[in-house]
Amino acid sequence: GSQFLAKQALGIGQNTFQFFLGLALM
């Protein structure tokens, strides 16, 4: 579980544009 959160943090950092694109689309 803790490793999953760490990967999520890394994934969000690497895919910041995709995350905010989804948020803006919503």
mmCIF file of all heavy atoms, coordinates in Angstrom:
data_MODEL
# 
_entry.id   MODEL 
# 
loop_
_atom_site.group_PDB 
_atom_site.id 
_atom_site.type_symbol 
_atom_site.label_atom_id 
_atom_site.label_alt_id 
_atom_site.label_comp_id 
_atom_site.label_asym_id 
_atom_site.label_entity_id 
_atom_site.label_seq_id 
_atom_site.pdbx_PDB_ins_code 
_atom_site.Cartn_x 
_atom_site.Cartn_y 
_atom_site.Cartn_z 
_atom_site.occupancy 
_atom_site.B_iso_or_equiv 
_atom_site.pdbx_formal_charge 
_atom_site.auth_seq_id 
_atom_site.auth_comp_id 
_atom_site.auth_asym_id 
_atom_site.auth_atom_id 
_atom_site.pdbx_PDB_model_num 
ATOM 1   N N   . GLY A 1 1  ? 0.808   -1.210 0.000   1.00 0.00 ? 1  GLY A N   1 
ATOM 2   C CA  . GLY A 1 1  ? 0.000   0.000  0.000   1.00 0.00 ? 1  GLY A CA  1 
ATOM 3   C C   . GLY A 1 1  ? 0.841   1.259  0.000   1.00 0.00 ? 1  GLY A C   1 
ATOM 4   O O   . GLY A 1 1  ? 0.577   2.207  -0.762  1.00 0.00 ? 1  GLY A O   1 
ATOM 5   N N   . SER A 1 2  ? 1.862   1.288  0.849   1.00 0.00 ? 2  SER A N   1 
ATOM 6   C CA  . SER A 1 2  ? 2.723   2.470  0.888   1.00 0.00 ? 2  SER A CA  1 
ATOM 7   C C   . SER A 1 2  ? 3.512   2.617  -0.410  1.00 0.00 ? 2  SER A C   1 
ATOM 8   O O   . SER A 1 2  ? 3.728   3.727  -0.913  1.00 0.00 ? 2  SER A O   1 
ATOM 9   C CB  . SER A 1 2  ? 3.677   2.381  2.084   1.00 0.00 ? 2  SER A CB  1 
ATOM 10  O OG  . SER A 1 2  ? 4.485   1.211  1.996   1.00 0.00 ? 2  SER A OG  1 
ATOM 11  N N   . GLN A 1 3  ? 3.943   1.482  -0.981  1.00 0.00 ? 3  GLN A N   1 
ATOM 12  C CA  . GLN A 1 3  ? 4.661   1.530  -2.257  1.00 0.00 ? 3  GLN A CA  1 
ATOM 13  C C   . GLN A 1 3  ? 3.742   2.012  -3.380  1.00 0.00 ? 3  GLN A C   1 
ATOM 14  O O   . GLN A 1 3  ? 4.171   2.747  -4.275  1.00 0.00 ? 3  GLN A O   1 
ATOM 15  C CB  . GLN A 1 3  ? 5.219   0.148  -2.589  1.00 0.00 ? 3  GLN A CB  1 
ATOM 16  C CG  . GLN A 1 3  ? 6.142   0.133  -3.807  1.00 0.00 ? 3  GLN A CG  1 
ATOM 17  C CD  . GLN A 1 3  ? 6.746   -1.236 -4.033  1.00 0.00 ? 3  GLN A CD  1 
ATOM 18  O OE1 . GLN A 1 3  ? 6.326   -2.227 -3.438  1.00 0.00 ? 3  GLN A OE1 1 
ATOM 19  N NE2 . GLN A 1 3  ? 7.737   -1.314 -4.894  1.00 0.00 ? 3  GLN A NE2 1 
ATOM 20  N N   . PHE A 1 4  ? 2.462   1.617  -3.312  1.00 0.00 ? 4  PHE A N   1 
ATOM 21  C CA  . PHE A 1 4  ? 1.494   2.070  -4.317  1.00 0.00 ? 4  PHE A CA  1 
ATOM 22  C C   . PHE A 1 4  ? 1.348   3.586  -4.274  1.00 0.00 ? 4  PHE A C   1 
ATOM 23  O O   . PHE A 1 4  ? 1.322   4.246  -5.320  1.00 0.00 ? 4  PHE A O   1 
ATOM 24  C CB  . PHE A 1 4  ? 0.145   1.399  -4.065  1.00 0.00 ? 4  PHE A CB  1 
ATOM 25  C CG  . PHE A 1 4  ? -0.971  1.947  -4.906  1.00 0.00 ? 4  PHE A CG  1 
ATOM 26  C CD1 . PHE A 1 4  ? -1.102  1.580  -6.235  1.00 0.00 ? 4  PHE A CD1 1 
ATOM 27  C CD2 . PHE A 1 4  ? -1.900  2.827  -4.363  1.00 0.00 ? 4  PHE A CD2 1 
ATOM 28  C CE1 . PHE A 1 4  ? -2.128  2.078  -7.016  1.00 0.00 ? 4  PHE A CE1 1 
ATOM 29  C CE2 . PHE A 1 4  ? -2.926  3.332  -5.136  1.00 0.00 ? 4  PHE A CE2 1 
ATOM 30  C CZ  . PHE A 1 4  ? -3.048  2.953  -6.461  1.00 0.00 ? 4  PHE A CZ  1 
ATOM 31  N N   . LEU A 1 5  ? 1.252   4.157  -3.058  1.00 0.00 ? 5  LEU A N   1 
ATOM 32  C CA  . LEU A 1 5  ? 1.138   5.611  -2.940  1.00 0.00 ? 5  LEU A CA  1 
ATOM 33  C C   . LEU A 1 5  ? 2.396   6.294  -3.468  1.00 0.00 ? 5  LEU A C   1 
ATOM 34  O O   . LEU A 1 5  ? 2.320   7.354  -4.101  1.00 0.00 ? 5  LEU A O   1 
ATOM 35  C CB  . LEU A 1 5  ? 0.882   6.001  -1.479  1.00 0.00 ? 5  LEU A CB  1 
ATOM 36  C CG  . LEU A 1 5  ? -0.512  5.678  -0.942  1.00 0.00 ? 5  LEU A CG  1 
ATOM 37  C CD1 . LEU A 1 5  ? -0.586  6.004  0.541   1.00 0.00 ? 5  LEU A CD1 1 
ATOM 38  C CD2 . LEU A 1 5  ? -1.578  6.438  -1.709  1.00 0.00 ? 5  LEU A CD2 1 
ATOM 39  N N   . ALA A 1 6  ? 3.543   5.694  -3.194  1.00 0.00 ? 6  ALA A N   1 
ATOM 40  C CA  . ALA A 1 6  ? 4.783   6.280  -3.705  1.00 0.00 ? 6  ALA A CA  1 
ATOM 41  C C   . ALA A 1 6  ? 4.805   6.262  -5.234  1.00 0.00 ? 6  ALA A C   1 
ATOM 42  O O   . ALA A 1 6  ? 5.216   7.233  -5.872  1.00 0.00 ? 6  ALA A O   1 
ATOM 43  C CB  . ALA A 1 6  ? 5.986   5.510  -3.142  1.00 0.00 ? 6  ALA A CB  1 
ATOM 44  N N   . LYS A 1 7  ? 4.345   5.163  -5.835  1.00 0.00 ? 7  LYS A N   1 
ATOM 45  C CA  . LYS A 1 7  ? 4.284   5.089  -7.292  1.00 0.00 ? 7  LYS A CA  1 
ATOM 46  C C   . LYS A 1 7  ? 3.287   6.087  -7.857  1.00 0.00 ? 7  LYS A C   1 
ATOM 47  O O   . LYS A 1 7  ? 3.494   6.673  -8.919  1.00 0.00 ? 7  LYS A O   1 
ATOM 48  C CB  . LYS A 1 7  ? 3.930   3.668  -7.727  1.00 0.00 ? 7  LYS A CB  1 
ATOM 49  C CG  . LYS A 1 7  ? 5.047   2.655  -7.514  1.00 0.00 ? 7  LYS A CG  1 
ATOM 50  C CD  . LYS A 1 7  ? 4.637   1.284  -8.026  1.00 0.00 ? 7  LYS A CD  1 
ATOM 51  C CE  . LYS A 1 7  ? 5.764   0.271  -7.848  1.00 0.00 ? 7  LYS A CE  1 
ATOM 52  N NZ  . LYS A 1 7  ? 5.360   -1.086 -8.321  1.00 0.00 ? 7  LYS A NZ  1 
ATOM 53  N N   . GLN A 1 8  ? 2.162   6.267  -7.130  1.00 0.00 ? 8  GLN A N   1 
ATOM 54  C CA  . GLN A 1 8  ? 1.164   7.233  -7.590  1.00 0.00 ? 8  GLN A CA  1 
ATOM 55  C C   . GLN A 1 8  ? 1.747   8.642  -7.593  1.00 0.00 ? 8  GLN A C   1 
ATOM 56  O O   . GLN A 1 8  ? 1.490   9.432  -8.505  1.00 0.00 ? 8  GLN A O   1 
ATOM 57  C CB  . GLN A 1 8  ? -0.078  7.179  -6.693  1.00 0.00 ? 8  GLN A CB  1 
ATOM 58  C CG  . GLN A 1 8  ? -0.900  5.910  -6.850  1.00 0.00 ? 8  GLN A CG  1 
ATOM 59  C CD  . GLN A 1 8  ? -1.457  5.752  -8.250  1.00 0.00 ? 8  GLN A CD  1 
ATOM 60  O OE1 . GLN A 1 8  ? -2.029  6.680  -8.813  1.00 0.00 ? 8  GLN A OE1 1 
ATOM 61  N NE2 . GLN A 1 8  ? -1.284  4.579  -8.834  1.00 0.00 ? 8  GLN A NE2 1 
ATOM 62  N N   . ALA A 1 9  ? 2.507   8.958  -6.545  1.00 0.00 ? 9  ALA A N   1 
ATOM 63  C CA  . ALA A 1 9  ? 3.133   10.287 -6.483  1.00 0.00 ? 9  ALA A CA  1 
ATOM 64  C C   . ALA A 1 9  ? 4.095   10.469 -7.650  1.00 0.00 ? 9  ALA A C   1 
ATOM 65  O O   . ALA A 1 9  ? 4.126   11.519 -8.305  1.00 0.00 ? 9  ALA A O   1 
ATOM 66  C CB  . ALA A 1 9  ? 3.872   10.460 -5.159  1.00 0.00 ? 9  ALA A CB  1 
ATOM 67  N N   . LEU A 1 10 ? 4.886   9.425  -7.941  1.00 0.00 ? 10 LEU A N   1 
ATOM 68  C CA  . LEU A 1 10 ? 5.814   9.492  -9.064  1.00 0.00 ? 10 LEU A CA  1 
ATOM 69  C C   . LEU A 1 10 ? 5.066   9.582  -10.392 1.00 0.00 ? 10 LEU A C   1 
ATOM 70  O O   . LEU A 1 10 ? 5.425   10.354 -11.286 1.00 0.00 ? 10 LEU A O   1 
ATOM 71  C CB  . LEU A 1 10 ? 6.720   8.261  -9.059  1.00 0.00 ? 10 LEU A CB  1 
ATOM 72  C CG  . LEU A 1 10 ? 7.765   8.184  -10.186 1.00 0.00 ? 10 LEU A CG  1 
ATOM 73  C CD1 . LEU A 1 10 ? 8.730   9.368  -10.096 1.00 0.00 ? 10 LEU A CD1 1 
ATOM 74  C CD2 . LEU A 1 10 ? 8.519   6.857  -10.116 1.00 0.00 ? 10 LEU A CD2 1 
ATOM 75  N N   . GLY A 1 11 ? 3.954   8.805  -10.487 1.00 0.00 ? 11 GLY A N   1 
ATOM 76  C CA  . GLY A 1 11 ? 3.182   8.819  -11.725 1.00 0.00 ? 11 GLY A CA  1 
ATOM 77  C C   . GLY A 1 11 ? 2.528   10.161 -11.981 1.00 0.00 ? 11 GLY A C   1 
ATOM 78  O O   . GLY A 1 11 ? 2.503   10.656 -13.113 1.00 0.00 ? 11 GLY A O   1 
ATOM 79  N N   . ILE A 1 12 ? 1.987   10.785 -10.926 1.00 0.00 ? 12 ILE A N   1 
ATOM 80  C CA  . ILE A 1 12 ? 1.372   12.100 -11.089 1.00 0.00 ? 12 ILE A CA  1 
ATOM 81  C C   . ILE A 1 12 ? 2.422   13.127 -11.487 1.00 0.00 ? 12 ILE A C   1 
ATOM 82  O O   . ILE A 1 12 ? 2.181   14.003 -12.318 1.00 0.00 ? 12 ILE A O   1 
ATOM 83  C CB  . ILE A 1 12 ? 0.651   12.513 -9.789  1.00 0.00 ? 12 ILE A CB  1 
ATOM 84  C CG1 . ILE A 1 12 ? -0.576  11.620 -9.576  1.00 0.00 ? 12 ILE A CG1 1 
ATOM 85  C CG2 . ILE A 1 12 ? 0.231   13.977 -9.845  1.00 0.00 ? 12 ILE A CG2 1 
ATOM 86  C CD1 . ILE A 1 12 ? -1.305  11.879 -8.290  1.00 0.00 ? 12 ILE A CD1 1 
ATOM 87  N N   . GLY A 1 13 ? 3.611   13.006 -10.899 1.00 0.00 ? 13 GLY A N   1 
ATOM 88  C CA  . GLY A 1 13 ? 4.673   13.938 -11.265 1.00 0.00 ? 13 GLY A CA  1 
ATOM 89  C C   . GLY A 1 13 ? 5.093   13.789 -12.716 1.00 0.00 ? 13 GLY A C   1 
ATOM 90  O O   . GLY A 1 13 ? 5.375   14.777 -13.393 1.00 0.00 ? 13 GLY A O   1 
ATOM 91  N N   . GLN A 1 14 ? 5.106   12.540 -13.204 1.00 0.00 ? 14 GLN A N   1 
ATOM 92  C CA  . GLN A 1 14 ? 5.507   12.304 -14.588 1.00 0.00 ? 14 GLN A CA  1 
ATOM 93  C C   . GLN A 1 14 ? 4.387   12.590 -15.582 1.00 0.00 ? 14 GLN A C   1 
ATOM 94  O O   . GLN A 1 14 ? 4.639   12.847 -16.747 1.00 0.00 ? 14 GLN A O   1 
ATOM 95  C CB  . GLN A 1 14 ? 5.971   10.852 -14.744 1.00 0.00 ? 14 GLN A CB  1 
ATOM 96  C CG  . GLN A 1 14 ? 7.251   10.531 -13.982 1.00 0.00 ? 14 GLN A CG  1 
ATOM 97  C CD  . GLN A 1 14 ? 7.625   9.080  -14.079 1.00 0.00 ? 14 GLN A CD  1 
ATOM 98  O OE1 . GLN A 1 14 ? 6.807   8.240  -14.458 1.00 0.00 ? 14 GLN A OE1 1 
ATOM 99  N NE2 . GLN A 1 14 ? 8.866   8.756  -13.735 1.00 0.00 ? 14 GLN A NE2 1 
ATOM 100 N N   . ASN A 1 15 ? 3.133   12.516 -15.124 1.00 0.00 ? 15 ASN A N   1 
ATOM 101 C CA  . ASN A 1 15 ? 1.987   12.731 -16.006 1.00 0.00 ? 15 ASN A CA  1 
ATOM 102 C C   . ASN A 1 15 ? 1.155   13.927 -15.547 1.00 0.00 ? 15 ASN A C   1 
ATOM 103 O O   . ASN A 1 15 ? -0.076  13.874 -15.542 1.00 0.00 ? 15 ASN A O   1 
ATOM 104 C CB  . ASN A 1 15 ? 1.108   11.474 -16.041 1.00 0.00 ? 15 ASN A CB  1 
ATOM 105 C CG  . ASN A 1 15 ? 1.876   10.248 -16.510 1.00 0.00 ? 15 ASN A CG  1 
ATOM 106 O OD1 . ASN A 1 15 ? 2.288   10.153 -17.657 1.00 0.00 ? 15 ASN A OD1 1 
ATOM 107 N ND2 . ASN A 1 15 ? 2.080   9.305  -15.601 1.00 0.00 ? 15 ASN A ND2 1 
ATOM 108 N N   . THR A 1 16 ? 1.845   14.981 -15.131 1.00 0.00 ? 16 THR A N   1 
ATOM 109 C CA  . THR A 1 16 ? 1.144   16.166 -14.640 1.00 0.00 ? 16 THR A CA  1 
ATOM 110 C C   . THR A 1 16 ? 0.223   16.753 -15.701 1.00 0.00 ? 16 THR A C   1 
ATOM 111 O O   . THR A 1 16 ? -0.922  17.131 -15.412 1.00 0.00 ? 16 THR A O   1 
ATOM 112 C CB  . THR A 1 16 ? 2.159   17.229 -14.186 1.00 0.00 ? 16 THR A CB  1 
ATOM 113 O OG1 . THR A 1 16 ? 3.013   16.656 -13.199 1.00 0.00 ? 16 THR A OG1 1 
ATOM 114 C CG2 . THR A 1 16 ? 1.450   18.437 -13.606 1.00 0.00 ? 16 THR A CG2 1 
ATOM 115 N N   . PHE A 1 17 ? 0.715   16.806 -16.938 1.00 0.00 ? 17 PHE A N   1 
ATOM 116 C CA  . PHE A 1 17 ? -0.097  17.380 -18.009 1.00 0.00 ? 17 PHE A CA  1 
ATOM 117 C C   . PHE A 1 17 ? -1.367  16.573 -18.229 1.00 0.00 ? 17 PHE A C   1 
ATOM 118 O O   . PHE A 1 17 ? -2.461  17.132 -18.369 1.00 0.00 ? 17 PHE A O   1 
ATOM 119 C CB  . PHE A 1 17 ? 0.720   17.432 -19.301 1.00 0.00 ? 17 PHE A CB  1 
ATOM 120 C CG  . PHE A 1 17 ? -0.072  17.899 -20.485 1.00 0.00 ? 17 PHE A CG  1 
ATOM 121 C CD1 . PHE A 1 17 ? -0.381  19.250 -20.652 1.00 0.00 ? 17 PHE A CD1 1 
ATOM 122 C CD2 . PHE A 1 17 ? -0.516  16.990 -21.439 1.00 0.00 ? 17 PHE A CD2 1 
ATOM 123 C CE1 . PHE A 1 17 ? -1.122  19.676 -21.739 1.00 0.00 ? 17 PHE A CE1 1 
ATOM 124 C CE2 . PHE A 1 17 ? -1.254  17.412 -22.535 1.00 0.00 ? 17 PHE A CE2 1 
ATOM 125 C CZ  . PHE A 1 17 ? -1.556  18.761 -22.680 1.00 0.00 ? 17 PHE A CZ  1 
ATOM 126 N N   . GLN A 1 18 ? -1.251  15.236 -18.238 1.00 0.00 ? 18 GLN A N   1 
ATOM 127 C CA  . GLN A 1 18 ? -2.420  14.391 -18.447 1.00 0.00 ? 18 GLN A CA  1 
ATOM 128 C C   . GLN A 1 18 ? -3.420  14.536 -17.303 1.00 0.00 ? 18 GLN A C   1 
ATOM 129 O O   . GLN A 1 18 ? -4.639  14.565 -17.525 1.00 0.00 ? 18 GLN A O   1 
ATOM 130 C CB  . GLN A 1 18 ? -1.985  12.932 -18.576 1.00 0.00 ? 18 GLN A CB  1 
ATOM 131 C CG  . GLN A 1 18 ? -3.119  11.972 -18.877 1.00 0.00 ? 18 GLN A CG  1 
ATOM 132 C CD  . GLN A 1 18 ? -2.626  10.543 -19.049 1.00 0.00 ? 18 GLN A CD  1 
ATOM 133 O OE1 . GLN A 1 18 ? -1.421  10.289 -19.011 1.00 0.00 ? 18 GLN A OE1 1 
ATOM 134 N NE2 . GLN A 1 18 ? -3.548  9.620  -19.239 1.00 0.00 ? 18 GLN A NE2 1 
ATOM 135 N N   . PHE A 1 19 ? -2.912  14.650 -16.062 1.00 0.00 ? 19 PHE A N   1 
ATOM 136 C CA  . PHE A 1 19 ? -3.791  14.808 -14.907 1.00 0.00 ? 19 PHE A CA  1 
ATOM 137 C C   . PHE A 1 19 ? -4.596  16.102 -15.000 1.00 0.00 ? 19 PHE A C   1 
ATOM 138 O O   . PHE A 1 19 ? -5.821  16.105 -14.830 1.00 0.00 ? 19 PHE A O   1 
ATOM 139 C CB  . PHE A 1 19 ? -2.954  14.782 -13.622 1.00 0.00 ? 19 PHE A CB  1 
ATOM 140 C CG  . PHE A 1 19 ? -3.741  15.121 -12.380 1.00 0.00 ? 19 PHE A CG  1 
ATOM 141 C CD1 . PHE A 1 19 ? -4.574  14.183 -11.800 1.00 0.00 ? 19 PHE A CD1 1 
ATOM 142 C CD2 . PHE A 1 19 ? -3.649  16.378 -11.806 1.00 0.00 ? 19 PHE A CD2 1 
ATOM 143 C CE1 . PHE A 1 19 ? -5.306  14.494 -10.662 1.00 0.00 ? 19 PHE A CE1 1 
ATOM 144 C CE2 . PHE A 1 19 ? -4.369  16.700 -10.671 1.00 0.00 ? 19 PHE A CE2 1 
ATOM 145 C CZ  . PHE A 1 19 ? -5.195  15.747 -10.104 1.00 0.00 ? 19 PHE A CZ  1 
ATOM 146 N N   . PHE A 1 20 ? -3.907  17.204 -15.266 1.00 0.00 ? 20 PHE A N   1 
ATOM 147 C CA  . PHE A 1 20 ? -4.604  18.485 -15.337 1.00 0.00 ? 20 PHE A CA  1 
ATOM 148 C C   . PHE A 1 20 ? -5.472  18.589 -16.590 1.00 0.00 ? 20 PHE A C   1 
ATOM 149 O O   . PHE A 1 20 ? -6.471  19.316 -16.595 1.00 0.00 ? 20 PHE A O   1 
ATOM 150 C CB  . PHE A 1 20 ? -3.602  19.640 -15.268 1.00 0.00 ? 20 PHE A CB  1 
ATOM 151 C CG  . PHE A 1 20 ? -3.099  19.910 -13.879 1.00 0.00 ? 20 PHE A CG  1 
ATOM 152 C CD1 . PHE A 1 20 ? -1.851  19.465 -13.473 1.00 0.00 ? 20 PHE A CD1 1 
ATOM 153 C CD2 . PHE A 1 20 ? -3.894  20.586 -12.971 1.00 0.00 ? 20 PHE A CD2 1 
ATOM 154 C CE1 . PHE A 1 20 ? -1.401  19.701 -12.187 1.00 0.00 ? 20 PHE A CE1 1 
ATOM 155 C CE2 . PHE A 1 20 ? -3.448  20.823 -11.687 1.00 0.00 ? 20 PHE A CE2 1 
ATOM 156 C CZ  . PHE A 1 20 ? -2.199  20.392 -11.289 1.00 0.00 ? 20 PHE A CZ  1 
ATOM 157 N N   . LEU A 1 21 ? -5.112  17.851 -17.646 1.00 0.00 ? 21 LEU A N   1 
ATOM 158 C CA  . LEU A 1 21 ? -5.968  17.807 -18.827 1.00 0.00 ? 21 LEU A CA  1 
ATOM 159 C C   . LEU A 1 21 ? -7.298  17.137 -18.490 1.00 0.00 ? 21 LEU A C   1 
ATOM 160 O O   . LEU A 1 21 ? -8.370  17.627 -18.873 1.00 0.00 ? 21 LEU A O   1 
ATOM 161 C CB  . LEU A 1 21 ? -5.272  17.048 -19.955 1.00 0.00 ? 21 LEU A CB  1 
ATOM 162 C CG  . LEU A 1 21 ? -6.101  16.834 -21.233 1.00 0.00 ? 21 LEU A CG  1 
ATOM 163 C CD1 . LEU A 1 21 ? -6.443  18.177 -21.864 1.00 0.00 ? 21 LEU A CD1 1 
ATOM 164 C CD2 . LEU A 1 21 ? -5.348  15.941 -22.222 1.00 0.00 ? 21 LEU A CD2 1 
ATOM 165 N N   . GLY A 1 22 ? -7.231  16.025 -17.743 1.00 0.00 ? 22 GLY A N   1 
ATOM 166 C CA  . GLY A 1 22 ? -8.460  15.362 -17.320 1.00 0.00 ? 22 GLY A CA  1 
ATOM 167 C C   . GLY A 1 22 ? -9.294  16.227 -16.397 1.00 0.00 ? 22 GLY A C   1 
ATOM 168 O O   . GLY A 1 22 ? -10.525 16.266 -16.503 1.00 0.00 ? 22 GLY A O   1 
ATOM 169 N N   . LEU A 1 23 ? -8.620  16.937 -15.478 1.00 0.00 ? 23 LEU A N   1 
ATOM 170 C CA  . LEU A 1 23 ? -9.331  17.829 -14.563 1.00 0.00 ? 23 LEU A CA  1 
ATOM 171 C C   . LEU A 1 23 ? -10.007 18.969 -15.325 1.00 0.00 ? 23 LEU A C   1 
ATOM 172 O O   . LEU A 1 23 ? -11.181 19.301 -15.067 1.00 0.00 ? 23 LEU A O   1 
ATOM 173 C CB  . LEU A 1 23 ? -8.358  18.382 -13.531 1.00 0.00 ? 23 LEU A CB  1 
ATOM 174 C CG  . LEU A 1 23 ? -8.945  19.350 -12.493 1.00 0.00 ? 23 LEU A CG  1 
ATOM 175 C CD1 . LEU A 1 23 ? -9.990  18.650 -11.642 1.00 0.00 ? 23 LEU A CD1 1 
ATOM 176 C CD2 . LEU A 1 23 ? -7.835  19.919 -11.617 1.00 0.00 ? 23 LEU A CD2 1 
ATOM 177 N N   . ALA A 1 24 ? -9.284  19.557 -16.277 1.00 0.00 ? 24 ALA A N   1 
ATOM 178 C CA  . ALA A 1 24 ? -9.856  20.652 -17.068 1.00 0.00 ? 24 ALA A CA  1 
ATOM 179 C C   . ALA A 1 24 ? -11.022 20.158 -17.914 1.00 0.00 ? 24 ALA A C   1 
ATOM 180 O O   . ALA A 1 24 ? -12.043 20.854 -18.046 1.00 0.00 ? 24 ALA A O   1 
ATOM 181 C CB  . ALA A 1 24 ? -8.775  21.270 -17.955 1.00 0.00 ? 24 ALA A CB  1 
ATOM 182 N N   . LEU A 1 25 ? -10.898 18.951 -18.474 1.00 0.00 ? 25 LEU A N   1 
ATOM 183 C CA  . LEU A 1 25 ? -11.990 18.396 -19.266 1.00 0.00 ? 25 LEU A CA  1 
ATOM 184 C C   . LEU A 1 25 ? -13.222 18.156 -18.408 1.00 0.00 ? 25 LEU A C   1 
ATOM 185 O O   . LEU A 1 25 ? -14.355 18.418 -18.838 1.00 0.00 ? 25 LEU A O   1 
ATOM 186 C CB  . LEU A 1 25 ? -11.534 17.096 -19.924 1.00 0.00 ? 25 LEU A CB  1 
ATOM 187 C CG  . LEU A 1 25 ? -12.584 16.351 -20.761 1.00 0.00 ? 25 LEU A CG  1 
ATOM 188 C CD1 . LEU A 1 25 ? -13.031 17.218 -21.924 1.00 0.00 ? 25 LEU A CD1 1 
ATOM 189 C CD2 . LEU A 1 25 ? -12.026 15.028 -21.265 1.00 0.00 ? 25 LEU A CD2 1 
ATOM 190 N N   . MET A 1 26 ? -13.025 17.669 -17.185 1.00 0.00 ? 26 MET A N   1 
ATOM 191 C CA  . MET A 1 26 ? -14.148 17.434 -16.283 1.00 0.00 ? 26 MET A CA  1 
ATOM 192 C C   . MET A 1 26 ? -14.880 18.744 -15.979 1.00 0.00 ? 26 MET A C   1 
ATOM 193 O O   . MET A 1 26 ? -16.116 18.814 -16.036 1.00 0.00 ? 26 MET A O   1 
ATOM 194 C CB  . MET A 1 26 ? -13.652 16.793 -14.987 1.00 0.00 ? 26 MET A CB  1 
ATOM 195 C CG  . MET A 1 26 ? -14.755 16.473 -13.990 1.00 0.00 ? 26 MET A CG  1 
ATOM 196 S SD  . MET A 1 26 ? -14.125 16.071 -12.346 1.00 0.00 ? 26 MET A SD  1 
ATOM 197 C CE  . MET A 1 26 ? -13.568 17.696 -11.794 1.00 0.00 ? 26 MET A CE  1 
# 
